[in-house]
């Protein structure tokens, strides 16, 4: 049975409700942002038939909107990029000479709708391009990307994990191509502070950049869902899907706050392949990593079929991105 695409079809929620009514389902774990938001809207109906470890509507509204996330974080003392909140193209044009450059223009919901501007005329032009996504404008933070990941039980952390991105695609900022598990007390404290304050429930990923000028962790966004780099946390010893399901079924779990640091994980197709094509300077590391016997991959040689499917999808995605002119630097290039 194939469900409607929650990204495109508002009938996904009705389909899911009908499915859990007719079938015994212990736990529902929505994965994408669109699925999370559709499930949230019918949570009370779904919970008559199944269990859903999902944050409440107020917390999701804050985490699911970049402008509300940034405003909330400022109130509780978490460092954020300097941010402007124009609501129209005219307002964006009016503040163009106040903004520090390079600047980042982000759609207020989900990822992908990002553009970089290096001058006032670029800001106005690129704001217009994604204006329908109610974008915010931020200062560009130069530094390495970090993630804090957690599972909460009604306001109490039950499992945590942290990683640092080594390579990503797009190279100017995007999902991990290679990442490593880390344990940084300052990162942990910042991630816990915002999720504790939101009285979070379920899983979340809090994304930060470590400002190379100050060494401080700067909040980028909260993802109120499972994340693309989930394989690394599982490889390091924190199986979030299993733990979330156990918590939902049993009411709670024993805390999982310890995991293996220094575990490297690689998403070869398409992320790391696209990274090296668009950033030839990473080629020596790209080749060297094949000799790292401790490197782990999202490829299981005991089950090679998904890998072959991934390779085919990588070729198709490459051709599509090139055709749409969003392969090399889809967000633009910040001039730092």
C-alpha atoms as a PDB file:
ATOM      1  CA  UNK A   1       0.000   0.000   0.000  1.00  0.00           C
ATOM      2  CA  UNK A   2       1.388   3.416  -0.977  1.00  0.00           C
ATOM      3  CA  UNK A   3       0.478   6.455   1.104  1.00  0.00           C
ATOM      4  CA  UNK A   4      -0.081   9.913  -0.395  1.00  0.00           C
ATOM      5  CA  UNK A   5       3.035  12.097  -0.377  1.00  0.00           C
ATOM      6  CA  UNK A   6       2.720  14.312   2.730  1.00  0.00           C
ATOM      7  CA  UNK A   7       4.861  16.955   0.998  1.00  0.00           C
ATOM      8  CA  UNK A   8       2.292  17.393  -1.772  1.00  0.00           C
ATOM      9  CA  UNK A   9      -0.982  15.824  -0.714  1.00  0.00           C
ATOM     10  CA  UNK A  10      -3.052  17.116   2.250  1.00  0.00           C
ATOM     11  CA  UNK A  11      -4.939  13.801   2.225  1.00  0.00           C
ATOM     12  CA  UNK A  12      -1.951  12.052   3.834  1.00  0.00           C
ATOM     13  CA  UNK A  13      -3.395  12.663   7.322  1.00  0.00           C
ATOM     14  CA  UNK A  14      -6.800  11.209   6.409  1.00  0.00           C
ATOM     15  CA  UNK A  15      -5.096   8.195   4.802  1.00  0.00           C
ATOM     16  CA  UNK A  16      -3.017   7.596   7.935  1.00  0.00           C
ATOM     17  CA  UNK A  17      -6.027   7.890  10.251  1.00  0.00           C
ATOM     18  CA  UNK A  18      -7.990   5.418   8.128  1.00  0.00           C
ATOM     19  CA  UNK A  19      -5.029   3.036   8.090  1.00  0.00           C
ATOM     20  CA  UNK A  20      -4.525   2.951  11.867  1.00  0.00           C
ATOM     21  CA  UNK A  21      -8.267   2.464  12.374  1.00  0.00           C
ATOM     22  CA  UNK A  22      -8.202  -0.668  10.213  1.00  0.00           C
ATOM     23  CA  UNK A  23      -4.812  -2.072  11.246  1.00  0.00           C
ATOM     24  CA  UNK A  24      -3.114  -2.680  14.579  1.00  0.00           C
ATOM     25  CA  UNK A  25      -0.324  -0.094  14.778  1.00  0.00           C
ATOM     26  CA  UNK A  26       1.625   0.234  18.035  1.00  0.00           C
ATOM     27  CA  UNK A  27       3.499   3.446  17.285  1.00  0.00           C
ATOM     28  CA  UNK A  28       3.525   6.064  14.524  1.00  0.00           C
ATOM     29  CA  UNK A  29       6.852   7.811  13.902  1.00  0.00           C
ATOM     30  CA  UNK A  30       6.391  10.595  11.316  1.00  0.00           C
ATOM     31  CA  UNK A  31       9.702  11.215   9.562  1.00  0.00           C
ATOM     32  CA  UNK A  32       9.500  14.251   7.253  1.00  0.00           C
ATOM     33  CA  UNK A  33       8.573  17.769   8.368  1.00  0.00           C
ATOM     34  CA  UNK A  34       5.408  17.656   6.269  1.00  0.00           C
ATOM     35  CA  UNK A  35       4.401  14.336   7.832  1.00  0.00           C
ATOM     36  CA  UNK A  36       5.043  15.703  11.334  1.00  0.00           C
ATOM     37  CA  UNK A  37       2.823  18.726  10.711  1.00  0.00           C
ATOM     38  CA  UNK A  38       0.008  16.685   9.136  1.00  0.00           C
ATOM     39  CA  UNK A  39       0.106  14.142  11.974  1.00  0.00           C
ATOM     40  CA  UNK A  40       0.112  16.951  14.535  1.00  0.00           C
ATOM     41  CA  UNK A  41      -3.142  18.333  13.149  1.00  0.00           C
ATOM     42  CA  UNK A  42      -5.015  15.062  13.774  1.00  0.00           C
ATOM     43  CA  UNK A  43      -3.006  13.866  16.777  1.00  0.00           C
ATOM     44  CA  UNK A  44      -6.005  13.579  19.113  1.00  0.00           C
ATOM     45  CA  UNK A  45      -7.880  11.365  16.658  1.00  0.00           C
ATOM     46  CA  UNK A  46      -4.823   9.201  15.945  1.00  0.00           C
ATOM     47  CA  UNK A  47      -4.062   8.713  19.646  1.00  0.00           C
ATOM     48  CA  UNK A  48      -7.310   6.811  20.046  1.00  0.00           C
ATOM     49  CA  UNK A  49      -5.734   4.020  17.984  1.00  0.00           C
ATOM     50  CA  UNK A  50      -1.956   4.317  18.327  1.00  0.00           C
ATOM     51  CA  UNK A  51       0.847   6.062  20.206  1.00  0.00           C
ATOM     52  CA  UNK A  52       2.710   9.076  18.779  1.00  0.00           C
ATOM     53  CA  UNK A  53       5.814  10.502  20.518  1.00  0.00           C
ATOM     54  CA  UNK A  54       5.395  14.028  19.165  1.00  0.00           C
ATOM     55  CA  UNK A  55       5.825  17.508  20.660  1.00  0.00           C
ATOM     56  CA  UNK A  56       2.730  19.573  21.404  1.00  0.00           C
ATOM     57  CA  UNK A  57       1.334  22.097  18.962  1.00  0.00           C
ATOM     58  CA  UNK A  58       2.867  25.157  20.657  1.00  0.00           C
ATOM     59  CA  UNK A  59       6.383  23.681  20.640  1.00  0.00           C
ATOM     60  CA  UNK A  60       6.014  22.512  17.021  1.00  0.00           C
ATOM     61  CA  UNK A  61       4.843  25.954  15.933  1.00  0.00           C
ATOM     62  CA  UNK A  62       8.009  27.498  17.391  1.00  0.00           C
ATOM     63  CA  UNK A  63      10.391  24.809  16.122  1.00  0.00           C
ATOM     64  CA  UNK A  64       8.787  24.654  12.681  1.00  0.00           C
ATOM     65  CA  UNK A  65       9.247  28.350  11.942  1.00  0.00           C
ATOM     66  CA  UNK A  66      12.710  29.887  11.648  1.00  0.00           C
ATOM     67  CA  UNK A  67      11.573  33.360  12.651  1.00  0.00           C
ATOM     68  CA  UNK A  68       9.741  32.112  15.759  1.00  0.00           C
ATOM     69  CA  UNK A  69      12.669  29.817  16.612  1.00  0.00           C
ATOM     70  CA  UNK A  70      15.161  32.687  16.499  1.00  0.00           C
ATOM     71  CA  UNK A  71      12.922  35.047  18.486  1.00  0.00           C
ATOM     72  CA  UNK A  72      12.283  32.384  21.125  1.00  0.00           C
ATOM     73  CA  UNK A  73      15.979  31.482  21.435  1.00  0.00           C
ATOM     74  CA  UNK A  74      16.919  35.136  21.920  1.00  0.00           C
ATOM     75  CA  UNK A  75      14.473  35.383  24.819  1.00  0.00           C
ATOM     76  CA  UNK A  76      16.094  32.479  26.673  1.00  0.00           C
ATOM     77  CA  UNK A  77      19.666  33.629  26.071  1.00  0.00           C
ATOM     78  CA  UNK A  78      20.849  31.345  23.267  1.00  0.00           C
ATOM     79  CA  UNK A  79      23.114  32.999  20.741  1.00  0.00           C
ATOM     80  CA  UNK A  80      21.552  33.455  17.298  1.00  0.00           C
ATOM     81  CA  UNK A  81      22.615  35.226  14.093  1.00  0.00           C
ATOM     82  CA  UNK A  82      21.532  38.822  13.776  1.00  0.00           C
ATOM     83  CA  UNK A  83      18.182  38.516  12.028  1.00  0.00           C
ATOM     84  CA  UNK A  84      15.816  40.792  10.106  1.00  0.00           C
ATOM     85  CA  UNK A  85      12.140  39.962   9.549  1.00  0.00           C
ATOM     86  CA  UNK A  86      10.831  41.748   6.431  1.00  0.00           C
ATOM     87  CA  UNK A  87       7.333  40.763   5.376  1.00  0.00           C
ATOM     88  CA  UNK A  88       7.359  42.207   1.864  1.00  0.00           C
ATOM     89  CA  UNK A  89       9.831  42.849  -0.947  1.00  0.00           C
ATOM     90  CA  UNK A  90       9.541  46.561  -0.211  1.00  0.00           C
ATOM     91  CA  UNK A  91      10.554  45.999   3.432  1.00  0.00           C
ATOM     92  CA  UNK A  92      13.485  43.834   2.330  1.00  0.00           C
ATOM     93  CA  UNK A  93      14.631  46.572  -0.034  1.00  0.00           C
ATOM     94  CA  UNK A  94      14.318  49.200   2.700  1.00  0.00           C
ATOM     95  CA  UNK A  95      16.658  47.329   5.066  1.00  0.00           C
ATOM     96  CA  UNK A  96      19.105  46.171   2.370  1.00  0.00           C
ATOM     97  CA  UNK A  97      21.676  48.805   3.368  1.00  0.00           C
ATOM     98  CA  UNK A  98      21.377  47.923   7.082  1.00  0.00           C
ATOM     99  CA  UNK A  99      22.209  44.259   6.590  1.00  0.00           C
ATOM    100  CA  UNK A 100      25.750  42.954   7.062  1.00  0.00           C
ATOM    101  CA  UNK A 101      27.117  40.993   4.106  1.00  0.00           C
ATOM    102  CA  UNK A 102      27.312  38.228   3.154  1.00  0.00           C
ATOM    103  CA  UNK A 103      23.713  37.640   4.232  1.00  0.00           C
ATOM    104  CA  UNK A 104      21.557  34.528   4.238  1.00  0.00           C
ATOM    105  CA  UNK A 105      17.930  34.586   3.058  1.00  0.00           C
ATOM    106  CA  UNK A 106      15.963  31.609   4.415  1.00  0.00           C
ATOM    107  CA  UNK A 107      12.405  30.475   3.959  1.00  0.00           C
ATOM    108  CA  UNK A 108      10.710  30.434   7.343  1.00  0.00           C
ATOM    109  CA  UNK A 109       9.718  26.750   7.167  1.00  0.00           C
ATOM    110  CA  UNK A 110      11.773  23.668   6.379  1.00  0.00           C
ATOM    111  CA  UNK A 111      15.130  23.674   4.610  1.00  0.00           C
ATOM    112  CA  UNK A 112      16.122  24.122   0.984  1.00  0.00           C
ATOM    113  CA  UNK A 113      14.774  27.621   0.406  1.00  0.00           C
ATOM    114  CA  UNK A 114      18.086  29.376   1.039  1.00  0.00           C
ATOM    115  CA  UNK A 115      19.983  32.030  -0.898  1.00  0.00           C
ATOM    116  CA  UNK A 116      23.175  33.986  -0.191  1.00  0.00           C
ATOM    117  CA  UNK A 117      23.495  37.689  -0.976  1.00  0.00           C
ATOM    118  CA  UNK A 118      26.762  39.643  -1.050  1.00  0.00           C
ATOM    119  CA  UNK A 119      25.395  43.141  -1.733  1.00  0.00           C
ATOM    120  CA  UNK A 120      22.141  45.119  -1.343  1.00  0.00           C
ATOM    121  CA  UNK A 121      21.082  44.641  -4.971  1.00  0.00           C
ATOM    122  CA  UNK A 122      21.558  40.868  -4.639  1.00  0.00           C
ATOM    123  CA  UNK A 123      19.514  40.793  -1.442  1.00  0.00           C
ATOM    124  CA  UNK A 124      16.495  42.437  -3.078  1.00  0.00           C
ATOM    125  CA  UNK A 125      16.727  40.153  -6.111  1.00  0.00           C
ATOM    126  CA  UNK A 126      17.114  36.931  -4.131  1.00  0.00           C
ATOM    127  CA  UNK A 127      14.476  37.852  -1.575  1.00  0.00           C
ATOM    128  CA  UNK A 128      12.037  38.236  -4.450  1.00  0.00           C
ATOM    129  CA  UNK A 129      12.940  34.753  -5.670  1.00  0.00           C
ATOM    130  CA  UNK A 130      11.811  33.024  -2.440  1.00  0.00           C
ATOM    131  CA  UNK A 131       9.367  35.670  -1.150  1.00  0.00           C
ATOM    132  CA  UNK A 132       6.489  33.174  -1.183  1.00  0.00           C
ATOM    133  CA  UNK A 133       8.235  31.240   1.622  1.00  0.00           C
ATOM    134  CA  UNK A 134       8.100  34.216   4.061  1.00  0.00           C
ATOM    135  CA  UNK A 135      11.891  34.424   4.358  1.00  0.00           C
ATOM    136  CA  UNK A 136      14.015  35.914   7.111  1.00  0.00           C
ATOM    137  CA  UNK A 137      17.395  37.555   6.528  1.00  0.00           C
ATOM    138  CA  UNK A 138      20.399  36.672   8.695  1.00  0.00           C
ATOM    139  CA  UNK A 139      24.044  37.484   9.030  1.00  0.00           C
ATOM    140  CA  UNK A 140      26.253  34.721   7.654  1.00  0.00           C
ATOM    141  CA  UNK A 141      28.090  32.799  10.379  1.00  0.00           C
ATOM    142  CA  UNK A 142      31.405  31.350   9.252  1.00  0.00           C
ATOM    143  CA  UNK A 143      32.257  28.103  10.984  1.00  0.00           C
ATOM    144  CA  UNK A 144      31.718  24.354  11.193  1.00  0.00           C
ATOM    145  CA  UNK A 145      28.255  22.819  11.398  1.00  0.00           C
ATOM    146  CA  UNK A 146      27.207  20.849  14.478  1.00  0.00           C
ATOM    147  CA  UNK A 147      24.055  18.996  15.448  1.00  0.00           C
ATOM    148  CA  UNK A 148      22.506  18.223  18.828  1.00  0.00           C
ATOM    149  CA  UNK A 149      19.992  15.377  18.706  1.00  0.00           C
ATOM    150  CA  UNK A 150      17.640  14.300  21.459  1.00  0.00           C
ATOM    151  CA  UNK A 151      14.677  12.188  22.465  1.00  0.00           C
ATOM    152  CA  UNK A 152      12.462  13.748  25.136  1.00  0.00           C
ATOM    153  CA  UNK A 153       9.710  12.382  27.326  1.00  0.00           C
ATOM    154  CA  UNK A 154       7.343  15.244  28.174  1.00  0.00           C
ATOM    155  CA  UNK A 155      10.065  17.783  28.916  1.00  0.00           C
ATOM    156  CA  UNK A 156      12.795  15.411  30.133  1.00  0.00           C
ATOM    157  CA  UNK A 157      15.721  14.317  27.962  1.00  0.00           C
ATOM    158  CA  UNK A 158      15.964  10.523  27.667  1.00  0.00           C
ATOM    159  CA  UNK A 159      18.613  10.192  24.924  1.00  0.00           C
ATOM    160  CA  UNK A 160      21.115  12.618  23.397  1.00  0.00           C
ATOM    161  CA  UNK A 161      23.722  12.628  20.643  1.00  0.00           C
ATOM    162  CA  UNK A 162      25.988  15.192  18.955  1.00  0.00           C
ATOM    163  CA  UNK A 163      27.908  15.322  15.700  1.00  0.00           C
ATOM    164  CA  UNK A 164      30.149  17.596  13.655  1.00  0.00           C
ATOM    165  CA  UNK A 165      29.926  17.871   9.891  1.00  0.00           C
ATOM    166  CA  UNK A 166      33.171  17.165   8.060  1.00  0.00           C
ATOM    167  CA  UNK A 167      31.835  17.513   4.518  1.00  0.00           C
ATOM    168  CA  UNK A 168      28.390  18.534   3.287  1.00  0.00           C
ATOM    169  CA  UNK A 169      26.446  19.201   0.123  1.00  0.00           C
ATOM    170  CA  UNK A 170      25.900  21.874  -0.968  1.00  0.00           C
ATOM    171  CA  UNK A 171      29.364  22.873   0.199  1.00  0.00           C
ATOM    172  CA  UNK A 172      28.055  26.279   1.296  1.00  0.00           C
ATOM    173  CA  UNK A 173      25.743  24.564   3.777  1.00  0.00           C
ATOM    174  CA  UNK A 174      23.579  21.490   3.552  1.00  0.00           C
ATOM    175  CA  UNK A 175      23.075  17.889   4.712  1.00  0.00           C
ATOM    176  CA  UNK A 176      26.067  15.888   5.907  1.00  0.00           C
ATOM    177  CA  UNK A 177      28.238  14.039   3.415  1.00  0.00           C
ATOM    178  CA  UNK A 178      30.691  12.915   6.114  1.00  0.00           C
ATOM    179  CA  UNK A 179      30.196  13.528   9.832  1.00  0.00           C
ATOM    180  CA  UNK A 180      31.747  12.429  13.127  1.00  0.00           C
ATOM    181  CA  UNK A 181      30.205  11.837  16.533  1.00  0.00           C
ATOM    182  CA  UNK A 182      31.386  14.291  19.201  1.00  0.00           C
ATOM    183  CA  UNK A 183      30.633  15.102  22.821  1.00  0.00           C
ATOM    184  CA  UNK A 184      30.899  18.820  23.520  1.00  0.00           C
ATOM    185  CA  UNK A 185      29.560  20.139  26.859  1.00  0.00           C
ATOM    186  CA  UNK A 186      28.811  23.620  25.478  1.00  0.00           C
ATOM    187  CA  UNK A 187      26.883  22.159  22.535  1.00  0.00           C
ATOM    188  CA  UNK A 188      25.010  19.805  24.860  1.00  0.00           C
ATOM    189  CA  UNK A 189      24.067  22.627  27.233  1.00  0.00           C
ATOM    190  CA  UNK A 190      22.775  24.859  24.420  1.00  0.00           C
ATOM    191  CA  UNK A 191      20.710  22.047  22.882  1.00  0.00           C
ATOM    192  CA  UNK A 192      19.249  20.964  26.207  1.00  0.00           C
ATOM    193  CA  UNK A 193      18.422  24.523  27.201  1.00  0.00           C
ATOM    194  CA  UNK A 194      16.162  25.218  24.247  1.00  0.00           C
ATOM    195  CA  UNK A 195      14.439  21.811  24.209  1.00  0.00           C
ATOM    196  CA  UNK A 196      13.966  21.842  28.001  1.00  0.00           C
ATOM    197  CA  UNK A 197      12.415  25.294  27.714  1.00  0.00           C
ATOM    198  CA  UNK A 198      10.006  24.063  25.017  1.00  0.00           C
ATOM    199  CA  UNK A 199       9.015  21.122  27.247  1.00  0.00           C
ATOM    200  CA  UNK A 200       9.789  18.956  24.225  1.00  0.00           C
ATOM    201  CA  UNK A 201       8.382  15.499  23.574  1.00  0.00           C
ATOM    202  CA  UNK A 202       9.703  13.078  20.967  1.00  0.00           C
ATOM    203  CA  UNK A 203      12.773  13.574  18.785  1.00  0.00           C
ATOM    204  CA  UNK A 204      14.403  16.786  17.572  1.00  0.00           C
ATOM    205  CA  UNK A 205      17.599  17.959  15.950  1.00  0.00           C
ATOM    206  CA  UNK A 206      18.982  21.366  16.938  1.00  0.00           C
ATOM    207  CA  UNK A 207      21.440  22.715  14.375  1.00  0.00           C
ATOM    208  CA  UNK A 208      24.294  25.043  15.312  1.00  0.00           C
ATOM    209  CA  UNK A 209      27.342  26.609  13.748  1.00  0.00           C
ATOM    210  CA  UNK A 210      30.486  27.084  15.790  1.00  0.00           C
ATOM    211  CA  UNK A 211      31.465  30.672  15.052  1.00  0.00           C
ATOM    212  CA  UNK A 212      35.110  30.542  13.939  1.00  0.00           C
ATOM    213  CA  UNK A 213      35.636  34.089  15.251  1.00  0.00           C
ATOM    214  CA  UNK A 214      34.350  33.537  18.793  1.00  0.00           C
ATOM    215  CA  UNK A 215      34.151  29.765  19.265  1.00  0.00           C
ATOM    216  CA  UNK A 216      30.529  30.129  20.425  1.00  0.00           C
ATOM    217  CA  UNK A 217      27.740  27.870  19.217  1.00  0.00           C
ATOM    218  CA  UNK A 218      25.178  29.858  17.231  1.00  0.00           C
ATOM    219  CA  UNK A 219      21.686  28.432  16.725  1.00  0.00           C
ATOM    220  CA  UNK A 220      20.633  27.909  13.117  1.00  0.00           C
ATOM    221  CA  UNK A 221      17.331  26.049  13.426  1.00  0.00           C
ATOM    222  CA  UNK A 222      15.358  23.291  15.124  1.00  0.00           C
ATOM    223  CA  UNK A 223      14.214  20.297  13.082  1.00  0.00           C
ATOM    224  CA  UNK A 224      11.186  18.789  14.886  1.00  0.00           C
ATOM    225  CA  UNK A 225      11.663  15.394  13.246  1.00  0.00           C
ATOM    226  CA  UNK A 226      14.100  12.627  12.475  1.00  0.00           C
ATOM    227  CA  UNK A 227      17.172  13.780  10.549  1.00  0.00           C
ATOM    228  CA  UNK A 228      19.095  12.695   7.470  1.00  0.00           C
ATOM    229  CA  UNK A 229      22.219  11.734   9.431  1.00  0.00           C
ATOM    230  CA  UNK A 230      20.331   9.295  11.677  1.00  0.00           C
ATOM    231  CA  UNK A 231      22.614   6.432  10.616  1.00  0.00           C
ATOM    232  CA  UNK A 232      25.560   7.986  12.461  1.00  0.00           C
ATOM    233  CA  UNK A 233      23.762   8.160  15.809  1.00  0.00           C
ATOM    234  CA  UNK A 234      22.724   4.516  15.462  1.00  0.00           C
ATOM    235  CA  UNK A 235      26.289   3.502  14.557  1.00  0.00           C
ATOM    236  CA  UNK A 236      27.581   5.353  17.630  1.00  0.00           C
ATOM    237  CA  UNK A 237      25.141   3.574  19.939  1.00  0.00           C
ATOM    238  CA  UNK A 238      21.969   5.695  20.087  1.00  0.00           C
ATOM    239  CA  UNK A 239      19.152   4.037  18.144  1.00  0.00           C
ATOM    240  CA  UNK A 240      16.600   6.836  18.228  1.00  0.00           C
ATOM    241  CA  UNK A 241      13.775   5.101  16.303  1.00  0.00           C
ATOM    242  CA  UNK A 242      13.957   2.066  18.604  1.00  0.00           C
ATOM    243  CA  UNK A 243      14.171   4.214  21.726  1.00  0.00           C
ATOM    244  CA  UNK A 244      11.280   6.442  20.625  1.00  0.00           C
ATOM    245  CA  UNK A 245       9.131   3.374  19.959  1.00  0.00           C
ATOM    246  CA  UNK A 246      10.048   1.799  23.301  1.00  0.00           C
ATOM    247  CA  UNK A 247       9.298   5.027  25.140  1.00  0.00           C
ATOM    248  CA  UNK A 248       5.922   5.358  23.450  1.00  0.00           C
ATOM    249  CA  UNK A 249       5.003   1.741  24.217  1.00  0.00           C
ATOM    250  CA  UNK A 250       6.336   1.497  27.783  1.00  0.00           C
ATOM    251  CA  UNK A 251       5.864   5.080  28.958  1.00  0.00           C
ATOM    252  CA  UNK A 252       9.580   5.685  29.533  1.00  0.00           C
ATOM    253  CA  UNK A 253      13.071   4.296  28.938  1.00  0.00           C
ATOM    254  CA  UNK A 254      16.360   4.228  30.787  1.00  0.00           C
ATOM    255  CA  UNK A 255      18.388   7.327  29.795  1.00  0.00           C
ATOM    256  CA  UNK A 256      20.918   6.922  26.979  1.00  0.00           C
ATOM    257  CA  UNK A 257      23.404   9.748  27.459  1.00  0.00           C
ATOM    258  CA  UNK A 258      26.612   7.917  26.584  1.00  0.00           C
ATOM    259  CA  UNK A 259      27.755   6.877  23.132  1.00  0.00           C
ATOM    260  CA  UNK A 260      30.974   6.376  21.186  1.00  0.00           C
ATOM    261  CA  UNK A 261      32.711   9.599  20.166  1.00  0.00           C
ATOM    262  CA  UNK A 262      34.901   9.720  17.067  1.00  0.00           C
ATOM    263  CA  UNK A 263      32.662   7.488  14.924  1.00  0.00           C
ATOM    264  CA  UNK A 264      32.825   8.638  11.310  1.00  0.00           C
ATOM    265  CA  UNK A 265      29.971   8.064   8.910  1.00  0.00           C
ATOM    266  CA  UNK A 266      29.763   8.663   5.170  1.00  0.00           C
ATOM    267  CA  UNK A 267      26.800   9.200   2.866  1.00  0.00           C
ATOM    268  CA  UNK A 268      28.537   8.368  -0.414  1.00  0.00           C
ATOM    269  CA  UNK A 269      25.516   8.605  -2.757  1.00  0.00           C
ATOM    270  CA  UNK A 270      24.733  11.299  -3.555  1.00  0.00           C
ATOM    271  CA  UNK A 271      26.018  13.689  -0.859  1.00  0.00           C
ATOM    272  CA  UNK A 272      29.775  12.986  -0.770  1.00  0.00           C
ATOM    273  CA  UNK A 273      30.005  12.356  -4.510  1.00  0.00           C
ATOM    274  CA  UNK A 274      28.267  15.682  -5.190  1.00  0.00           C
ATOM    275  CA  UNK A 275      30.511  17.380  -2.637  1.00  0.00           C
ATOM    276  CA  UNK A 276      33.730  16.305  -4.337  1.00  0.00           C
ATOM    277  CA  UNK A 277      32.432  17.208  -7.809  1.00  0.00           C
ATOM    278  CA  UNK A 278      31.499  20.725  -6.697  1.00  0.00           C
ATOM    279  CA  UNK A 279      34.500  21.146  -4.379  1.00  0.00           C
ATOM    280  CA  UNK A 280      37.608  19.567  -5.992  1.00  0.00           C
ATOM    281  CA  UNK A 281      39.734  20.643  -3.018  1.00  0.00           C
ATOM    282  CA  UNK A 282      38.081  17.848  -1.034  1.00  0.00           C
ATOM    283  CA  UNK A 283      39.296  15.216  -3.540  1.00  0.00           C
ATOM    284  CA  UNK A 284      42.354  14.083  -1.479  1.00  0.00           C
ATOM    285  CA  UNK A 285      40.150  13.536   1.581  1.00  0.00           C
ATOM    286  CA  UNK A 286      37.463  11.896  -0.553  1.00  0.00           C
ATOM    287  CA  UNK A 287      39.984   9.308  -1.800  1.00  0.00           C
ATOM    288  CA  UNK A 288      41.781   8.953   1.554  1.00  0.00           C
ATOM    289  CA  UNK A 289      38.546   8.116   3.338  1.00  0.00           C
ATOM    290  CA  UNK A 290      38.137   4.924   1.286  1.00  0.00           C
ATOM    291  CA  UNK A 291      41.210   3.639   3.158  1.00  0.00           C
ATOM    292  CA  UNK A 292      39.826   4.489   6.585  1.00  0.00           C
ATOM    293  CA  UNK A 293      38.841   1.082   7.932  1.00  0.00           C
ATOM    294  CA  UNK A 294      36.894   2.699  10.760  1.00  0.00           C
ATOM    295  CA  UNK A 295      34.710   4.739   8.415  1.00  0.00           C
ATOM    296  CA  UNK A 296      31.098   3.562   8.359  1.00  0.00           C
ATOM    297  CA  UNK A 297      28.719   3.921   5.416  1.00  0.00           C
ATOM    298  CA  UNK A 298      25.010   4.019   4.742  1.00  0.00           C
ATOM    299  CA  UNK A 299      25.648   1.040   2.442  1.00  0.00           C
ATOM    300  CA  UNK A 300      25.229  -2.548   3.647  1.00  0.00           C
ATOM    301  CA  UNK A 301      27.156  -4.993   1.479  1.00  0.00           C
ATOM    302  CA  UNK A 302      24.915  -7.789   2.797  1.00  0.00           C
ATOM    303  CA  UNK A 303      21.968  -5.992   1.202  1.00  0.00           C
ATOM    304  CA  UNK A 304      23.362  -4.309  -1.932  1.00  0.00           C
ATOM    305  CA  UNK A 305      20.074  -3.661  -3.736  1.00  0.00           C
ATOM    306  CA  UNK A 306      19.386  -0.305  -2.001  1.00  0.00           C
ATOM    307  CA  UNK A 307      22.915   0.821  -2.914  1.00  0.00           C
ATOM    308  CA  UNK A 308      22.306   0.085  -6.606  1.00  0.00           C
ATOM    309  CA  UNK A 309      19.006   1.952  -6.423  1.00  0.00           C
ATOM    310  CA  UNK A 310      20.812   4.873  -4.760  1.00  0.00           C
ATOM    311  CA  UNK A 311      23.374   4.951  -7.560  1.00  0.00           C
ATOM    312  CA  UNK A 312      20.643   5.154 -10.177  1.00  0.00           C
ATOM    313  CA  UNK A 313      18.839   7.852  -8.232  1.00  0.00           C
ATOM    314  CA  UNK A 314      22.125   9.767  -7.897  1.00  0.00           C
ATOM    315  CA  UNK A 315      22.560   9.849 -11.686  1.00  0.00           C
ATOM    316  CA  UNK A 316      18.953  10.995 -12.128  1.00  0.00           C
ATOM    317  CA  UNK A 317      19.311  13.678  -9.454  1.00  0.00           C
ATOM    318  CA  UNK A 318      22.578  14.915 -10.972  1.00  0.00           C
ATOM    319  CA  UNK A 319      20.955  15.320 -14.391  1.00  0.00           C
ATOM    320  CA  UNK A 320      17.922  17.058 -12.899  1.00  0.00           C
ATOM    321  CA  UNK A 321      20.008  19.461 -10.818  1.00  0.00           C
ATOM    322  CA  UNK A 322      22.208  20.347 -13.782  1.00  0.00           C
ATOM    323  CA  UNK A 323      19.161  20.913 -15.974  1.00  0.00           C
ATOM    324  CA  UNK A 324      17.576  23.151 -13.322  1.00  0.00           C
ATOM    325  CA  UNK A 325      20.906  24.959 -12.746  1.00  0.00           C
ATOM    326  CA  UNK A 326      20.993  24.122  -9.065  1.00  0.00           C
ATOM    327  CA  UNK A 327      23.875  21.671  -8.878  1.00  0.00           C
ATOM    328  CA  UNK A 328      27.094  23.663  -8.443  1.00  0.00           C
ATOM    329  CA  UNK A 329      26.105  26.358  -5.937  1.00  0.00           C
ATOM    330  CA  UNK A 330      22.308  26.123  -5.646  1.00  0.00           C
ATOM    331  CA  UNK A 331      22.183  28.690  -2.836  1.00  0.00           C
ATOM    332  CA  UNK A 332      24.796  31.029  -4.288  1.00  0.00           C
ATOM    333  CA  UNK A 333      28.296  31.675  -2.977  1.00  0.00           C
ATOM    334  CA  UNK A 334      28.873  33.822   0.138  1.00  0.00           C
ATOM    335  CA  UNK A 335      31.914  36.093  -0.229  1.00  0.00           C
ATOM    336  CA  UNK A 336      33.526  36.051   3.213  1.00  0.00           C
END
